[in-house]
């Protein structure tokens, strides 16, 4: 299971991240689009370089090696702007790549460089007002042809609906709003993790 950072600061954020990691969080995606390179470095350092193998950078990819991070996430825009040679450079240096898509056709068209991809929003977003898909992504997953890349459900994921995602074509889920838009982030994480592990 994956947790994505809130794009803006959250009270006790680093402590919550530590608690999540101690509770068995596999991967933590750092999505802080407004961060400068220094802010990103400070944030990762505050989390702790001992967790670097579980951290995924969404921006300032050039910092990854110095921070001991070997996981990079490419947005749709970044992926479109990157040529095959650049992608191959990541592969040659044993960087793990993930990306984001918003349709099953885009997912099916991914090159095999990507270990997993977020398909969103599966449900109406918890963190973004009025953000929902115009198509039924559960119906869409029936057209999946790419089984080399893991399909990760993102958007509105919480304990009450994760099982439906897992039984309708998604390999795993990513949490954002159910962790950061709540006063019980660790309880919510543990509930969701139990469902995923029990599936």
C-alpha atoms as a PDB file:
ATOM      1  CA  UNK A   1       0.000   0.000   0.000  1.00  0.00           C
ATOM      2  CA  UNK A   2       1.115   3.525  -0.811  1.00  0.00           C
ATOM      3  CA  UNK A   3       0.574   6.871   0.906  1.00  0.00           C
ATOM      4  CA  UNK A   4       1.025  10.188  -0.909  1.00  0.00           C
ATOM      5  CA  UNK A   5       1.989  13.341   0.954  1.00  0.00           C
ATOM      6  CA  UNK A   6      -0.428  16.215   1.233  1.00  0.00           C
ATOM      7  CA  UNK A   7       0.724  18.865  -1.258  1.00  0.00           C
ATOM      8  CA  UNK A   8       0.695  21.528   1.466  1.00  0.00           C
ATOM      9  CA  UNK A   9       1.987  21.348   5.028  1.00  0.00           C
ATOM     10  CA  UNK A  10       0.013  19.424   7.639  1.00  0.00           C
ATOM     11  CA  UNK A  11       0.308  19.783  11.407  1.00  0.00           C
ATOM     12  CA  UNK A  12       2.681  17.168  12.885  1.00  0.00           C
ATOM     13  CA  UNK A  13       3.377  15.939   9.344  1.00  0.00           C
ATOM     14  CA  UNK A  14       6.814  14.394   9.954  1.00  0.00           C
ATOM     15  CA  UNK A  15       5.632  12.637  13.103  1.00  0.00           C
ATOM     16  CA  UNK A  16       2.673  11.171  11.196  1.00  0.00           C
ATOM     17  CA  UNK A  17       4.999   9.976   8.417  1.00  0.00           C
ATOM     18  CA  UNK A  18       7.224   8.280  11.005  1.00  0.00           C
ATOM     19  CA  UNK A  19       4.186   6.618  12.574  1.00  0.00           C
ATOM     20  CA  UNK A  20       3.017   5.383   9.147  1.00  0.00           C
ATOM     21  CA  UNK A  21       6.433   3.917   8.368  1.00  0.00           C
ATOM     22  CA  UNK A  22       6.564   2.238  11.770  1.00  0.00           C
ATOM     23  CA  UNK A  23       3.125   0.742  11.064  1.00  0.00           C
ATOM     24  CA  UNK A  24       4.461  -0.923   7.920  1.00  0.00           C
ATOM     25  CA  UNK A  25       3.929   1.627   5.167  1.00  0.00           C
ATOM     26  CA  UNK A  26       5.700   0.266   2.089  1.00  0.00           C
ATOM     27  CA  UNK A  27       6.124   3.416  -0.004  1.00  0.00           C
ATOM     28  CA  UNK A  28       5.696   7.114   0.731  1.00  0.00           C
ATOM     29  CA  UNK A  29       5.312   9.394  -2.284  1.00  0.00           C
ATOM     30  CA  UNK A  30       6.578  12.936  -1.757  1.00  0.00           C
ATOM     31  CA  UNK A  31       4.363  15.174  -3.843  1.00  0.00           C
ATOM     32  CA  UNK A  32       5.171  18.766  -2.882  1.00  0.00           C
ATOM     33  CA  UNK A  33       4.838  20.737  -6.142  1.00  0.00           C
ATOM     34  CA  UNK A  34       5.636  24.102  -4.543  1.00  0.00           C
ATOM     35  CA  UNK A  35       8.838  22.938  -2.846  1.00  0.00           C
ATOM     36  CA  UNK A  36      12.196  24.395  -3.797  1.00  0.00           C
ATOM     37  CA  UNK A  37      15.161  22.035  -4.020  1.00  0.00           C
ATOM     38  CA  UNK A  38      16.274  23.108  -0.547  1.00  0.00           C
ATOM     39  CA  UNK A  39      12.805  22.554   0.918  1.00  0.00           C
ATOM     40  CA  UNK A  40      12.731  19.087  -0.626  1.00  0.00           C
ATOM     41  CA  UNK A  41      16.140  18.258   0.812  1.00  0.00           C
ATOM     42  CA  UNK A  42      15.115  19.529   4.252  1.00  0.00           C
ATOM     43  CA  UNK A  43      11.849  17.540   4.119  1.00  0.00           C
ATOM     44  CA  UNK A  44      13.548  14.263   3.176  1.00  0.00           C
ATOM     45  CA  UNK A  45      16.246  14.837   5.800  1.00  0.00           C
ATOM     46  CA  UNK A  46      13.550  15.449   8.433  1.00  0.00           C
ATOM     47  CA  UNK A  47      11.894  12.135   7.529  1.00  0.00           C
ATOM     48  CA  UNK A  48      15.293  10.473   7.815  1.00  0.00           C
ATOM     49  CA  UNK A  49      17.690   9.101   5.228  1.00  0.00           C
ATOM     50  CA  UNK A  50      17.296   5.658   6.809  1.00  0.00           C
ATOM     51  CA  UNK A  51      13.874   5.568   5.117  1.00  0.00           C
ATOM     52  CA  UNK A  52      15.194   6.594   1.690  1.00  0.00           C
ATOM     53  CA  UNK A  53      14.451   3.197   0.107  1.00  0.00           C
ATOM     54  CA  UNK A  54      10.746   3.738   0.871  1.00  0.00           C
ATOM     55  CA  UNK A  55      10.551   7.299  -0.458  1.00  0.00           C
ATOM     56  CA  UNK A  56       9.431   8.295  -3.964  1.00  0.00           C
ATOM     57  CA  UNK A  57      10.200  11.728  -5.430  1.00  0.00           C
ATOM     58  CA  UNK A  58       7.608  13.486  -7.594  1.00  0.00           C
ATOM     59  CA  UNK A  59       9.826  16.500  -8.282  1.00  0.00           C
ATOM     60  CA  UNK A  60      13.452  17.630  -8.041  1.00  0.00           C
ATOM     61  CA  UNK A  61      14.486  14.246  -9.385  1.00  0.00           C
ATOM     62  CA  UNK A  62      18.085  15.453  -9.635  1.00  0.00           C
ATOM     63  CA  UNK A  63      18.282  15.262  -5.823  1.00  0.00           C
ATOM     64  CA  UNK A  64      17.439  11.572  -5.684  1.00  0.00           C
ATOM     65  CA  UNK A  65      20.961  10.118  -5.772  1.00  0.00           C
ATOM     66  CA  UNK A  66      22.338  12.500  -3.141  1.00  0.00           C
ATOM     67  CA  UNK A  67      19.416  11.668  -0.845  1.00  0.00           C
ATOM     68  CA  UNK A  68      19.805   7.929  -1.367  1.00  0.00           C
ATOM     69  CA  UNK A  69      16.420   7.701  -3.120  1.00  0.00           C
ATOM     70  CA  UNK A  70      16.088   5.297  -6.041  1.00  0.00           C
ATOM     71  CA  UNK A  71      12.383   5.764  -6.766  1.00  0.00           C
ATOM     72  CA  UNK A  72      11.015   8.466  -9.051  1.00  0.00           C
ATOM     73  CA  UNK A  73       7.444   9.262 -10.034  1.00  0.00           C
ATOM     74  CA  UNK A  74       6.635  10.939 -13.340  1.00  0.00           C
ATOM     75  CA  UNK A  75       3.447  12.918 -13.829  1.00  0.00           C
ATOM     76  CA  UNK A  76       1.616  12.521 -17.131  1.00  0.00           C
ATOM     77  CA  UNK A  77       3.149  15.788 -18.307  1.00  0.00           C
ATOM     78  CA  UNK A  78       6.678  14.811 -17.291  1.00  0.00           C
ATOM     79  CA  UNK A  79       6.274  11.408 -18.928  1.00  0.00           C
ATOM     80  CA  UNK A  80       5.102  12.975 -22.188  1.00  0.00           C
ATOM     81  CA  UNK A  81       8.103  15.300 -22.229  1.00  0.00           C
ATOM     82  CA  UNK A  82      10.635  12.546 -21.554  1.00  0.00           C
ATOM     83  CA  UNK A  83      12.174  10.647 -24.436  1.00  0.00           C
ATOM     84  CA  UNK A  84      13.102   6.961 -24.484  1.00  0.00           C
ATOM     85  CA  UNK A  85      16.794   7.735 -23.990  1.00  0.00           C
ATOM     86  CA  UNK A  86      16.056   9.597 -20.748  1.00  0.00           C
ATOM     87  CA  UNK A  87      13.841   6.754 -19.539  1.00  0.00           C
ATOM     88  CA  UNK A  88      16.562   4.255 -20.339  1.00  0.00           C
ATOM     89  CA  UNK A  89      19.055   6.282 -18.295  1.00  0.00           C
ATOM     90  CA  UNK A  90      16.845   5.756 -15.236  1.00  0.00           C
ATOM     91  CA  UNK A  91      16.617   2.038 -15.960  1.00  0.00           C
ATOM     92  CA  UNK A  92      20.386   1.710 -16.441  1.00  0.00           C
ATOM     93  CA  UNK A  93      20.993   3.340 -13.055  1.00  0.00           C
ATOM     94  CA  UNK A  94      18.455   0.973 -11.454  1.00  0.00           C
ATOM     95  CA  UNK A  95      15.939   3.716 -10.619  1.00  0.00           C
ATOM     96  CA  UNK A  96      12.421   2.417  -9.997  1.00  0.00           C
ATOM     97  CA  UNK A  97       9.854   4.353 -12.033  1.00  0.00           C
ATOM     98  CA  UNK A  98       6.160   4.970 -11.450  1.00  0.00           C
ATOM     99  CA  UNK A  99       3.738   7.306 -13.188  1.00  0.00           C
ATOM    100  CA  UNK A 100       0.165   8.603 -13.279  1.00  0.00           C
ATOM    101  CA  UNK A 101      -2.625   8.043 -15.809  1.00  0.00           C
ATOM    102  CA  UNK A 102      -6.275   9.018 -15.998  1.00  0.00           C
ATOM    103  CA  UNK A 103      -7.568   6.441 -18.466  1.00  0.00           C
ATOM    104  CA  UNK A 104      -7.123   2.724 -19.009  1.00  0.00           C
ATOM    105  CA  UNK A 105      -6.038   3.386 -22.605  1.00  0.00           C
ATOM    106  CA  UNK A 106      -3.137   5.505 -21.345  1.00  0.00           C
ATOM    107  CA  UNK A 107      -2.280   2.765 -18.856  1.00  0.00           C
ATOM    108  CA  UNK A 108      -2.330   0.079 -21.554  1.00  0.00           C
ATOM    109  CA  UNK A 109      -0.018   2.203 -23.716  1.00  0.00           C
ATOM    110  CA  UNK A 110       2.679   2.567 -21.034  1.00  0.00           C
ATOM    111  CA  UNK A 111       6.113   1.272 -21.855  1.00  0.00           C
ATOM    112  CA  UNK A 112       7.377  -1.516 -19.649  1.00  0.00           C
ATOM    113  CA  UNK A 113       9.738   0.819 -17.796  1.00  0.00           C
ATOM    114  CA  UNK A 114       7.078   1.579 -15.168  1.00  0.00           C
ATOM    115  CA  UNK A 115       6.656  -0.695 -12.152  1.00  0.00           C
ATOM    116  CA  UNK A 116       3.243   0.758 -11.329  1.00  0.00           C
ATOM    117  CA  UNK A 117       0.906   3.555 -12.277  1.00  0.00           C
ATOM    118  CA  UNK A 118      -1.785   5.470 -10.424  1.00  0.00           C
ATOM    119  CA  UNK A 119      -5.156   5.474 -12.199  1.00  0.00           C
ATOM    120  CA  UNK A 120      -7.386   8.178 -10.778  1.00  0.00           C
ATOM    121  CA  UNK A 121      -9.802   9.268  -9.556  1.00  0.00           C
ATOM    122  CA  UNK A 122     -11.438   5.927  -8.811  1.00  0.00           C
ATOM    123  CA  UNK A 123     -13.914   7.531  -6.384  1.00  0.00           C
ATOM    124  CA  UNK A 124     -14.691  11.232  -5.844  1.00  0.00           C
ATOM    125  CA  UNK A 125     -11.570  12.740  -4.304  1.00  0.00           C
ATOM    126  CA  UNK A 126     -11.440  13.376  -0.554  1.00  0.00           C
ATOM    127  CA  UNK A 127      -8.769  16.068  -0.870  1.00  0.00           C
ATOM    128  CA  UNK A 128      -9.944  17.860  -4.049  1.00  0.00           C
ATOM    129  CA  UNK A 129     -13.422  19.367  -4.160  1.00  0.00           C
ATOM    130  CA  UNK A 130     -15.621  18.160  -7.060  1.00  0.00           C
ATOM    131  CA  UNK A 131     -12.811  16.046  -8.510  1.00  0.00           C
ATOM    132  CA  UNK A 132     -14.223  12.824  -9.922  1.00  0.00           C
ATOM    133  CA  UNK A 133     -13.920  10.705 -13.034  1.00  0.00           C
ATOM    134  CA  UNK A 134     -16.250  11.136 -15.990  1.00  0.00           C
ATOM    135  CA  UNK A 135     -16.016   7.423 -16.688  1.00  0.00           C
ATOM    136  CA  UNK A 136     -16.583   4.270 -14.645  1.00  0.00           C
ATOM    137  CA  UNK A 137     -13.033   3.125 -13.971  1.00  0.00           C
ATOM    138  CA  UNK A 138     -14.235  -0.253 -12.727  1.00  0.00           C
ATOM    139  CA  UNK A 139     -15.814  -0.859 -16.125  1.00  0.00           C
ATOM    140  CA  UNK A 140     -12.687   0.523 -17.790  1.00  0.00           C
ATOM    141  CA  UNK A 141     -10.364  -1.942 -16.043  1.00  0.00           C
ATOM    142  CA  UNK A 142     -12.081  -4.746 -17.964  1.00  0.00           C
ATOM    143  CA  UNK A 143     -10.227  -3.413 -21.024  1.00  0.00           C
ATOM    144  CA  UNK A 144      -6.841  -3.751 -19.329  1.00  0.00           C
ATOM    145  CA  UNK A 145      -4.151  -5.344 -21.497  1.00  0.00           C
ATOM    146  CA  UNK A 146      -1.022  -4.187 -19.625  1.00  0.00           C
ATOM    147  CA  UNK A 147      -0.133  -6.695 -16.918  1.00  0.00           C
ATOM    148  CA  UNK A 148       3.579  -5.817 -16.721  1.00  0.00           C
ATOM    149  CA  UNK A 149       2.758  -2.613 -14.823  1.00  0.00           C
ATOM    150  CA  UNK A 150       0.859  -2.733 -11.542  1.00  0.00           C
ATOM    151  CA  UNK A 151      -2.409  -0.796 -11.562  1.00  0.00           C
ATOM    152  CA  UNK A 152      -2.804   1.330  -8.419  1.00  0.00           C
ATOM    153  CA  UNK A 153      -6.178   2.861  -7.558  1.00  0.00           C
ATOM    154  CA  UNK A 154      -6.058   6.460  -6.343  1.00  0.00           C
ATOM    155  CA  UNK A 155      -8.805   8.922  -5.469  1.00  0.00           C
ATOM    156  CA  UNK A 156     -11.288   8.716  -2.631  1.00  0.00           C
ATOM    157  CA  UNK A 157      -9.725   5.555  -1.222  1.00  0.00           C
ATOM    158  CA  UNK A 158     -10.777   4.700   2.317  1.00  0.00           C
ATOM    159  CA  UNK A 159     -11.524   1.605   4.395  1.00  0.00           C
ATOM    160  CA  UNK A 160     -15.146   1.437   3.213  1.00  0.00           C
ATOM    161  CA  UNK A 161     -14.349   1.134  -0.494  1.00  0.00           C
ATOM    162  CA  UNK A 162     -10.869  -0.368  -0.905  1.00  0.00           C
ATOM    163  CA  UNK A 163     -12.127  -3.949  -1.217  1.00  0.00           C
ATOM    164  CA  UNK A 164     -14.335  -2.986  -4.177  1.00  0.00           C
ATOM    165  CA  UNK A 165     -11.275  -1.535  -5.947  1.00  0.00           C
ATOM    166  CA  UNK A 166      -9.199  -4.651  -5.294  1.00  0.00           C
ATOM    167  CA  UNK A 167     -11.950  -6.947  -6.560  1.00  0.00           C
ATOM    168  CA  UNK A 168     -12.465  -4.862  -9.705  1.00  0.00           C
ATOM    169  CA  UNK A 169      -9.090  -4.977 -11.381  1.00  0.00           C
ATOM    170  CA  UNK A 170      -6.756  -2.882  -9.218  1.00  0.00           C
ATOM    171  CA  UNK A 171      -3.580  -4.469  -7.887  1.00  0.00           C
ATOM    172  CA  UNK A 172      -3.191  -2.089  -4.950  1.00  0.00           C
ATOM    173  CA  UNK A 173      -4.315   1.314  -3.695  1.00  0.00           C
ATOM    174  CA  UNK A 174      -2.802   4.666  -2.742  1.00  0.00           C
ATOM    175  CA  UNK A 175      -4.099   6.841   0.092  1.00  0.00           C
ATOM    176  CA  UNK A 176      -4.061  10.619   0.361  1.00  0.00           C
ATOM    177  CA  UNK A 177      -7.219  12.255   1.699  1.00  0.00           C
ATOM    178  CA  UNK A 178      -8.042   9.404   4.093  1.00  0.00           C
ATOM    179  CA  UNK A 179      -4.683  10.052   5.770  1.00  0.00           C
ATOM    180  CA  UNK A 180      -4.344  13.831   5.648  1.00  0.00           C
ATOM    181  CA  UNK A 181      -7.969  15.054   5.738  1.00  0.00           C
ATOM    182  CA  UNK A 182      -8.763  13.390   9.040  1.00  0.00           C
ATOM    183  CA  UNK A 183      -7.939  13.541  12.725  1.00  0.00           C
ATOM    184  CA  UNK A 184      -7.202   9.771  12.828  1.00  0.00           C
ATOM    185  CA  UNK A 185      -4.558   9.176  10.126  1.00  0.00           C
ATOM    186  CA  UNK A 186      -2.891   6.165  11.762  1.00  0.00           C
ATOM    187  CA  UNK A 187      -6.166   4.447  12.619  1.00  0.00           C
ATOM    188  CA  UNK A 188      -7.340   4.917   9.030  1.00  0.00           C
ATOM    189  CA  UNK A 189      -4.056   3.602   7.660  1.00  0.00           C
ATOM    190  CA  UNK A 190      -4.187   0.485   9.839  1.00  0.00           C
ATOM    191  CA  UNK A 191      -7.787  -0.228   8.788  1.00  0.00           C
ATOM    192  CA  UNK A 192      -6.900   0.129   5.102  1.00  0.00           C
ATOM    193  CA  UNK A 193      -3.725  -1.915   5.431  1.00  0.00           C
ATOM    194  CA  UNK A 194      -5.647  -4.741   7.126  1.00  0.00           C
ATOM    195  CA  UNK A 195      -8.124  -4.858   4.230  1.00  0.00           C
ATOM    196  CA  UNK A 196      -5.376  -4.924   1.605  1.00  0.00           C
ATOM    197  CA  UNK A 197      -3.392  -7.620   3.409  1.00  0.00           C
ATOM    198  CA  UNK A 198      -6.506  -9.714   3.984  1.00  0.00           C
ATOM    199  CA  UNK A 199      -7.551  -9.629   0.330  1.00  0.00           C
END
